[in-house]
Protein backbone atom coordinates (compact mmCIF):
# COMPACT_ATOMS: atom_id res chain seq x y z
CA MET A 1 -9.38 7.77 24.52
CA VAL A 2 -8.61 10.23 21.74
CA ILE A 3 -4.90 9.54 22.01
CA GLY A 4 -5.60 5.86 21.43
CA GLU A 5 -7.63 6.65 18.34
CA VAL A 6 -4.96 8.98 16.97
CA LEU A 7 -2.32 6.28 17.44
CA TYR A 8 -4.55 3.64 15.84
CA VAL A 9 -5.48 5.73 12.78
CA SER A 10 -1.98 7.10 12.19
CA LYS A 11 -0.53 3.58 12.24
CA ARG A 12 -3.29 1.73 10.40
CA LYS A 13 -4.21 4.25 7.73
CA TYR A 14 -1.00 6.24 7.26
CA ASN A 15 1.59 3.71 8.48
CA VAL A 16 3.15 6.27 10.83
CA PRO A 17 5.15 4.60 13.62
CA TYR A 18 3.70 5.02 17.13
CA GLU A 19 6.86 6.78 18.31
CA GLU A 20 6.56 9.44 15.60
CA THR A 21 2.90 10.07 16.41
CA ILE A 22 3.65 10.34 20.13
CA ARG A 23 6.49 12.77 19.38
CA TRP A 24 4.13 14.89 17.26
CA MET A 25 1.47 14.88 19.99
CA THR A 26 4.07 15.84 22.60
CA LEU A 27 5.21 18.82 20.49
CA SER A 28 1.56 19.83 20.01
CA TYR A 29 0.73 19.44 23.72
CA PRO A 30 0.30 23.17 24.51
CA SER A 31 -2.72 23.32 22.18
CA LEU A 32 -4.31 20.10 23.50
CA ARG A 33 -6.79 19.94 26.36
CA SER A 34 -7.97 17.09 28.58
CA TYR A 35 -11.57 16.68 29.66
CA LEU A 36 -12.85 14.40 32.36
CA LEU A 37 -15.25 11.64 31.52
CA GLY A 38 -17.72 11.37 34.38
CA LEU A 39 -21.25 10.25 35.12
CA ARG A 40 -22.62 13.60 33.97
CA ILE A 41 -21.14 13.07 30.52
CA ILE A 42 -22.08 9.41 30.33
CA SER A 43 -25.67 10.24 31.26
CA LYS A 44 -25.89 12.56 28.26
CA LEU A 45 -24.74 10.08 25.66
CA ARG A 46 -26.89 10.36 22.60
CA ARG A 47 -25.75 7.29 20.77
CA THR A 48 -29.25 6.35 19.69
CA SER A 49 -30.12 9.87 18.54
CA TYR A 50 -27.52 9.83 15.80
CA ASN A 51 -26.82 6.09 15.55
CA LEU A 52 -23.19 6.57 16.64
CA LYS A 53 -20.67 4.01 17.79
CA PRO A 54 -20.17 4.16 21.58
CA SER A 55 -16.77 5.88 21.31
CA ASP A 56 -18.18 8.54 18.98
CA ALA A 57 -21.13 9.10 21.32
CA ILE A 58 -18.65 9.72 24.13
CA HIS A 59 -16.78 12.25 21.98
CA LEU A 60 -20.06 14.04 21.22
CA ALA A 61 -21.04 14.10 24.89
CA VAL A 62 -17.67 15.60 25.87
CA ILE A 63 -18.05 18.25 23.15
CA GLU A 64 -21.55 19.18 24.27
CA ASN A 65 -20.79 19.14 28.01
CA ASN A 66 -17.74 21.37 27.67
CA GLY A 67 -19.13 23.94 25.26
CA LEU A 68 -16.69 23.00 22.53
CA GLN A 69 -17.34 24.24 19.02
CA ALA A 70 -16.08 21.50 16.70
CA ILE A 71 -14.46 18.12 16.25
CA VAL A 72 -11.46 17.27 14.08
CA THR A 73 -12.06 13.85 12.56
CA GLU A 74 -12.07 11.65 9.50
CA ASP A 75 -14.98 9.64 10.84
CA ARG A 76 -17.95 10.09 8.49
CA GLN A 77 -20.41 9.21 11.29
CA PHE A 78 -20.16 12.83 12.39
CA GLU A 79 -21.89 13.95 9.17
CA ARG A 80 -25.14 13.07 10.99
CA VAL A 81 -24.38 15.27 14.00
CA PRO A 82 -25.22 19.00 14.12
CA ILE A 83 -21.75 20.18 15.16
CA ARG A 84 -18.96 21.80 13.20
CA VAL A 85 -16.70 19.12 11.72
CA ILE A 86 -13.15 19.82 10.59
CA TRP A 87 -12.34 17.00 8.21
CA VAL A 88 -8.96 15.28 8.14
CA ASP A 89 -8.37 13.86 4.68
């Protein structure tokens, strides 16, 4: 899900070709982690609490369910959420 968003934003906003973004993500792979999206996470979605889009609510649920500390994003919806946000500008 996140990979799809990275590809979309890099192409749409920064006009970076998909192949270049995939190459960058492949080189960065050792620092990336995958987290399962299961019923436990879906049951904890708090979309209505913070008025988030469904995809952002899923990101928040994954963060909360895995004890993660922050999110790296350029999505201003996360200004409403009480987590550490590392802004991409």
